Amino acid sequence: MDFADFNRQVAVLGGVAVVQVAFRAEGGMFMVRNLARTSRGFIERLGGTDDVYIRRAAPCDHPFVLVDDIDMGTIDKMVRDGIAPAISIETSHENYQAVIRFVRDLPPSIRKSAARALVKKYGGDLGSADADHFFRAAGFNNKKPGRQNFLVRLLNVSGTVAENGDRLLGRLDPVCPASSAPDRRPDQPEDPFAAQAFFRARHGVVHFLRQSGMSVMDESRIDSMTAVRMRVTGWTQNKVLGAMLAVGELRQNHDHEDYCLRTVLWAFSPGADAQVAALGKYAGNFRRIEGRRAS
């Protein structure tokens, strides 16, 4: 199998060190691997695999956004509008994906907003308009029903930056500076003590709100208050993010990683500083609720 087109996609995304691949393993389950952590020959062993996807490793800052399920006319319009794709792929007969590259790295919250703005303007699949959606790897077959085992074809891999991308970004309000984003990756192990602390702290928040007379609970408010409490007791931003990802895995929440990231970003932003200062006198009590001191 010729992996030249796949390797071109990887190169545009930044190289093996920052790219993840997803593939269907035996039993039908999808597996995700960081290419930098795979053994020699891993890609070659994928040669007989179908439904292979790639993306920039998440949830770090990067400049790429996917627009899924569009036609060739839409790609032509993007080019005319100065939003030319850095990568475009034919995923089935006359059906395409376009990867847009902005001029600078963006935090996940802004990438998601940009993806949704692009879908609103050009059409496509809103369900794929998130911060870090995987897209098809060229040279592998599309086994989705109705796609006739289509061999995914690379249409363009110029790596071009969308010249009018800043006009779009100018209409999006940043949640916080990109440099403040946590650097935890989904494949890193969670701290079980932090997860336990988050679970107990969350129960403490719920108890407090009930004692305050609140009968209808706002889940996002509970999570943000919990993250702030853990900041007060000394947990780092990455530890809180890892704990929230672990504890919340069973909650029915679309785009769970993005939700957790935005919640923790706010809890460690200047916007939460006043709340953190006001709660400082309760730090000892919060630690007792967590069951241990932060290390």
Protein backbone atom coordinates (compact mmCIF):
# COMPACT_ATOMS: atom_id res chain seq x y z
CA MET A 1 0.00 0.00 0.00
CA ASP A 2 1.23 3.51 -0.88
CA PHE A 3 1.15 5.78 2.19
CA ALA A 4 2.37 8.89 0.37
CA ASP A 5 -0.95 10.79 0.60
CA PHE A 6 -1.42 9.83 4.24
CA ASN A 7 2.09 11.07 5.01
CA ARG A 8 1.33 14.35 3.21
CA GLN A 9 -1.70 14.87 5.44
CA VAL A 10 0.41 14.20 8.52
CA ALA A 11 3.08 16.66 7.34
CA VAL A 12 0.56 19.50 6.85
CA LEU A 13 -0.89 18.88 10.32
CA GLY A 14 2.56 19.36 11.84
CA GLY A 15 4.24 15.98 11.66
CA VAL A 16 4.21 12.70 13.54
CA ALA A 17 4.92 14.35 16.89
CA VAL A 18 1.53 16.13 17.03
CA VAL A 19 -0.84 13.86 15.08
CA GLN A 20 -3.28 11.24 16.33
CA VAL A 21 -4.74 8.39 14.30
CA ALA A 22 -8.00 6.53 14.94
CA PHE A 23 -8.75 3.15 13.41
CA ARG A 24 -11.22 0.31 13.68
CA ALA A 25 -9.67 -2.57 15.62
CA GLU A 26 -10.82 -6.17 15.85
CA GLY A 27 -14.33 -6.37 17.24
CA GLY A 28 -15.34 -3.10 15.58
CA MET A 29 -14.14 -0.73 18.31
CA PHE A 30 -12.16 2.38 17.41
CA MET A 31 -8.72 2.89 18.90
CA VAL A 32 -6.82 6.19 19.12
CA ARG A 33 -3.04 6.41 19.02
CA ASN A 34 -0.55 9.26 19.07
CA LEU A 35 1.72 8.60 16.10
CA ALA A 36 4.75 9.72 18.11
CA ARG A 37 4.11 6.88 20.57
CA THR A 38 3.56 4.10 18.06
CA SER A 39 6.14 1.49 17.21
CA ARG A 40 8.02 1.37 13.94
CA GLY A 41 5.87 -0.16 11.24
CA PHE A 42 2.57 0.80 12.91
CA ILE A 43 1.26 2.65 9.84
CA GLU A 44 2.30 -0.19 7.57
CA ARG A 45 0.25 -2.58 9.71
CA LEU A 46 -2.76 -0.32 9.13
CA GLY A 47 -2.52 -1.14 5.43
CA GLY A 48 -5.28 -3.74 5.66
CA THR A 49 -7.47 -1.56 7.91
CA ASP A 50 -10.59 0.35 6.91
CA ASP A 51 -12.04 3.57 8.33
CA VAL A 52 -8.80 5.27 9.37
CA TYR A 53 -8.92 8.87 10.62
CA ILE A 54 -6.39 11.50 11.68
CA ARG A 55 -6.33 14.87 13.49
CA ARG A 56 -4.05 17.14 15.45
CA ALA A 57 -3.64 15.81 18.98
CA ALA A 58 -6.29 17.23 21.33
CA PRO A 59 -6.97 19.36 23.35
CA CYS A 60 -3.88 21.47 22.60
CA ASP A 61 -3.98 24.77 20.71
CA HIS A 62 -3.64 24.47 16.92
CA PRO A 63 -4.90 26.25 13.78
CA PHE A 64 -7.01 23.51 12.11
CA VAL A 65 -10.81 23.23 11.80
CA LEU A 66 -12.84 20.63 9.86
CA VAL A 67 -15.84 21.28 7.60
CA ASP A 68 -17.48 17.92 6.88
CA ASP A 69 -19.95 16.63 4.30
CA ILE A 70 -19.70 19.26 1.55
CA ASP A 71 -19.58 19.18 -2.25
CA MET A 72 -17.06 20.41 -4.78
CA GLY A 73 -19.04 23.59 -5.46
CA THR A 74 -18.71 24.52 -1.78
CA ILE A 75 -14.95 24.03 -1.86
CA ASP A 76 -14.75 26.27 -4.93
CA LYS A 77 -16.74 28.94 -3.07
CA MET A 78 -14.40 28.67 -0.07
CA VAL A 79 -11.44 29.29 -2.37
CA ARG A 80 -13.13 32.35 -3.91
CA ASP A 81 -13.93 33.67 -0.41
CA GLY A 82 -10.34 33.40 0.78
CA ILE A 83 -11.09 30.37 2.99
CA ALA A 84 -9.21 27.89 0.82
CA PRO A 85 -8.74 24.48 2.52
CA ALA A 86 -5.30 23.40 3.65
CA ILE A 87 -6.43 19.80 3.04
CA SER A 88 -9.43 18.53 1.12
CA ILE A 89 -10.45 14.87 0.85
CA GLU A 90 -13.03 13.02 -1.19
CA THR A 91 -14.52 10.61 1.36
CA SER A 92 -17.14 9.03 -0.93
CA HIS A 93 -18.42 9.74 -4.42
CA GLU A 94 -18.65 13.56 -4.75
CA ASN A 95 -18.65 14.02 -0.98
CA TYR A 96 -15.81 15.96 0.62
CA GLN A 97 -14.16 17.12 3.83
CA ALA A 98 -12.19 20.38 4.05
CA VAL A 99 -9.60 21.20 6.72
CA ILE A 100 -9.23 24.96 7.17
CA ARG A 101 -5.97 26.35 8.53
CA PHE A 102 -6.04 29.66 10.38
CA VAL A 103 -3.04 31.95 10.64
CA ARG A 104 -2.41 31.22 14.34
CA ASP A 105 -2.99 28.53 16.95
CA LEU A 106 -6.43 28.69 18.56
CA PRO A 107 -7.78 27.28 21.85
CA PRO A 108 -10.46 24.57 21.55
CA SER A 109 -13.34 26.90 22.40
CA ILE A 110 -12.50 29.21 19.50
CA ARG A 111 -11.94 26.32 17.08
CA LYS A 112 -15.40 24.98 17.91
CA SER A 113 -16.96 28.41 17.36
CA ALA A 114 -15.06 28.76 14.08
CA ALA A 115 -16.20 25.31 12.91
CA ARG A 116 -19.83 26.19 13.63
CA ALA A 117 -19.50 29.56 11.90
CA LEU A 118 -18.07 27.85 8.81
CA VAL A 119 -20.92 25.32 8.72
CA LYS A 120 -23.44 28.12 9.08
CA LYS A 121 -21.86 29.93 6.12
CA TYR A 122 -21.06 27.00 3.83
CA GLY A 123 -23.27 24.14 4.97
CA GLY A 124 -22.02 20.70 5.99
CA ASP A 125 -22.49 18.52 9.02
CA LEU A 126 -23.09 20.50 12.22
CA GLY A 127 -22.53 17.31 14.23
CA SER A 128 -18.90 17.31 13.09
CA ALA A 129 -18.39 21.01 13.83
CA ASP A 130 -16.37 20.75 17.01
CA ALA A 131 -12.89 21.63 18.20
CA ASP A 132 -11.02 18.45 17.28
CA HIS A 133 -13.05 16.27 14.94
CA PHE A 134 -11.20 13.42 13.26
CA PHE A 135 -11.22 13.42 9.45
CA ARG A 136 -10.60 10.67 6.92
CA ALA A 137 -7.09 9.47 6.17
CA ALA A 138 -6.33 9.25 2.45
CA GLY A 139 -5.69 5.84 0.97
CA PHE A 140 -7.99 3.88 3.27
CA ASN A 141 -11.46 2.53 2.51
CA ASN A 142 -14.69 4.11 3.76
CA LYS A 143 -16.78 1.25 5.18
CA LYS A 144 -19.73 3.43 6.18
CA PRO A 145 -22.98 1.91 4.87
CA GLY A 146 -23.85 3.23 1.44
CA ARG A 147 -20.29 4.37 0.62
CA GLN A 148 -19.47 1.29 -1.52
CA ASN A 149 -16.14 0.73 0.19
CA PHE A 150 -14.91 4.00 -1.33
CA LEU A 151 -11.13 4.50 -1.36
CA VAL A 152 -10.62 7.88 0.31
CA ARG A 153 -8.85 10.21 -2.11
CA LEU A 154 -6.68 13.22 -1.33
CA LEU A 155 -7.83 16.15 -3.47
CA ASN A 156 -5.55 18.87 -2.11
CA VAL A 157 -2.82 19.01 0.51
CA SER A 158 -1.39 22.49 -0.03
CA GLY A 159 -1.28 23.42 3.65
CA THR A 160 -2.40 26.91 2.70
CA VAL A 161 -3.50 29.38 5.38
CA ALA A 162 -7.00 30.82 4.89
CA GLU A 163 -6.18 34.40 3.91
CA ASN A 164 -9.54 35.74 5.11
CA GLY A 165 -9.68 33.54 8.19
CA ASP A 166 -8.98 36.46 10.51
CA ARG A 167 -12.19 38.14 9.38
CA LEU A 168 -14.09 35.14 10.68
CA LEU A 169 -12.07 35.00 13.91
CA GLY A 170 -12.67 38.69 14.49
CA ARG A 171 -16.36 37.95 15.00
CA LEU A 172 -15.67 35.30 17.64
CA ASP A 173 -15.15 36.32 21.26
CA PRO A 174 -12.28 34.46 22.94
CA VAL A 175 -13.11 32.72 26.21
CA CYS A 176 -9.57 33.28 27.49
CA PRO A 177 -6.03 33.70 26.11
CA ALA A 178 -4.78 30.70 24.15
CA SER A 179 -1.66 30.46 26.31
CA SER A 180 -3.74 29.56 29.39
CA ALA A 181 -5.08 26.28 28.00
CA PRO A 182 -4.15 23.14 29.98
CA ASP A 183 -1.72 20.79 28.26
CA ARG A 184 -3.31 17.51 29.36
CA ARG A 185 -3.89 15.01 26.56
CA PRO A 186 -6.79 12.51 26.63
CA ASP A 187 -4.39 9.57 26.57
CA GLN A 188 -2.57 10.63 29.74
CA PRO A 189 -3.60 8.75 32.89
CA GLU A 190 -5.86 10.58 35.32
CA ASP A 191 -4.82 11.16 38.94
CA PRO A 192 -7.19 8.91 40.94
CA PHE A 193 -6.84 11.14 44.02
CA ALA A 194 -7.83 14.21 42.01
CA ALA A 195 -10.80 12.33 40.55
CA GLN A 196 -11.89 11.31 44.05
CA ALA A 197 -11.48 14.90 45.25
CA PHE A 198 -13.58 16.23 42.36
CA PHE A 199 -16.32 13.67 43.05
CA ARG A 200 -16.48 14.60 46.75
CA ALA A 201 -16.19 18.32 46.11
CA ARG A 202 -19.06 18.11 43.62
CA HIS A 203 -21.25 16.42 46.22
CA GLY A 204 -20.31 19.22 48.63
CA VAL A 205 -21.41 21.84 46.08
CA VAL A 206 -24.73 20.06 45.53
CA HIS A 207 -25.31 19.89 49.30
CA PHE A 208 -24.52 23.61 49.64
CA LEU A 209 -26.93 24.56 46.85
CA ARG A 210 -29.72 22.46 48.35
CA GLN A 211 -29.13 24.02 51.77
CA SER A 212 -29.40 27.40 50.02
CA GLY A 213 -32.89 26.50 48.83
CA MET A 214 -32.10 25.66 45.21
CA SER A 215 -34.48 22.95 43.97
CA VAL A 216 -33.52 22.88 40.29
CA MET A 217 -29.84 22.12 39.76
CA ASP A 218 -27.84 23.62 36.89
CA GLU A 219 -25.22 20.97 36.05
CA SER A 220 -22.81 23.40 34.41
CA ARG A 221 -22.96 25.71 37.43
CA ILE A 222 -22.24 22.78 39.75
CA ASP A 223 -19.23 21.76 37.65
CA SER A 224 -17.80 25.28 37.49
CA MET A 225 -18.24 25.76 41.25
CA THR A 226 -16.52 22.42 41.86
CA ALA A 227 -13.57 23.38 39.65
CA VAL A 228 -13.24 26.69 41.52
CA ARG A 229 -13.27 24.89 44.88
CA MET A 230 -10.46 22.62 43.71
CA ARG A 231 -8.48 25.65 42.60
CA VAL A 232 -8.96 27.07 46.12
CA THR A 233 -7.57 23.89 47.69
CA GLY A 234 -4.45 23.97 45.51
CA TRP A 235 -5.10 21.58 42.67
CA THR A 236 -3.49 22.52 39.36
CA GLN A 237 -5.44 23.27 36.21
CA ASN A 238 -4.33 20.03 34.55
CA LYS A 239 -5.25 17.94 37.59
CA VAL A 240 -8.75 19.42 37.72
CA LEU A 241 -9.26 18.85 33.99
CA GLY A 242 -8.14 15.23 34.26
CA ALA A 243 -10.41 14.66 37.25
CA MET A 244 -13.42 16.21 35.54
CA LEU A 245 -12.87 14.15 32.39
CA ALA A 246 -12.69 10.98 34.47
CA VAL A 247 -15.60 11.62 36.83
CA GLY A 248 -17.90 12.91 34.12
CA GLU A 249 -17.44 10.14 31.57
CA LEU A 250 -20.89 8.66 32.22
CA ARG A 251 -22.76 11.96 31.92
CA GLN A 252 -24.73 12.45 28.73
CA ASN A 253 -22.87 15.47 27.44
CA HIS A 254 -22.18 16.13 23.76
CA ASP A 255 -18.52 16.91 23.07
CA HIS A 256 -17.56 16.08 26.65
CA GLU A 257 -13.86 16.97 26.34
CA ASP A 258 -14.66 20.46 25.04
CA TYR A 259 -17.22 21.03 27.82
CA CYS A 260 -14.73 20.01 30.53
CA LEU A 261 -11.97 22.13 29.02
CA ARG A 262 -14.12 25.27 28.85
CA THR A 263 -15.31 24.77 32.43
CA VAL A 264 -11.77 24.43 33.80
CA LEU A 265 -10.44 27.29 31.69
CA TRP A 266 -13.02 29.58 33.25
CA ALA A 267 -12.31 28.36 36.79
CA PHE A 268 -8.62 29.27 36.38
CA SER A 269 -9.24 32.52 34.47
CA PRO A 270 -9.15 36.08 35.89
CA GLY A 271 -12.95 36.03 35.77
CA ALA A 272 -12.97 33.58 38.69
CA ASP A 273 -10.29 35.34 40.76
CA ALA A 274 -12.76 37.23 42.96
CA GLN A 275 -14.69 34.06 43.73
CA VAL A 276 -11.46 32.21 44.56
CA ALA A 277 -10.39 35.00 46.92
CA ALA A 278 -13.77 35.02 48.67
CA LEU A 279 -13.68 31.25 49.18
CA GLY A 280 -10.10 31.14 50.44
CA LYS A 281 -11.19 31.18 54.10
CA TYR A 282 -13.08 27.91 53.50
CA ALA A 283 -10.09 26.07 52.00
CA GLY A 284 -9.59 23.88 55.07
CA ASN A 285 -13.22 22.79 55.07
CA PHE A 286 -13.10 22.13 51.33
CA ARG A 287 -10.02 19.93 51.81
CA ARG A 288 -11.84 17.89 54.46
CA ILE A 289 -14.73 17.37 52.03
CA GLU A 290 -12.26 16.21 49.38
CA GLY A 291 -10.86 13.69 51.82
CA ARG A 292 -7.20 14.70 51.49
CA ARG A 293 -4.88 17.62 50.88
CA ALA A 294 -3.82 18.42 47.32
CA SER A 295 -0.29 17.30 46.61
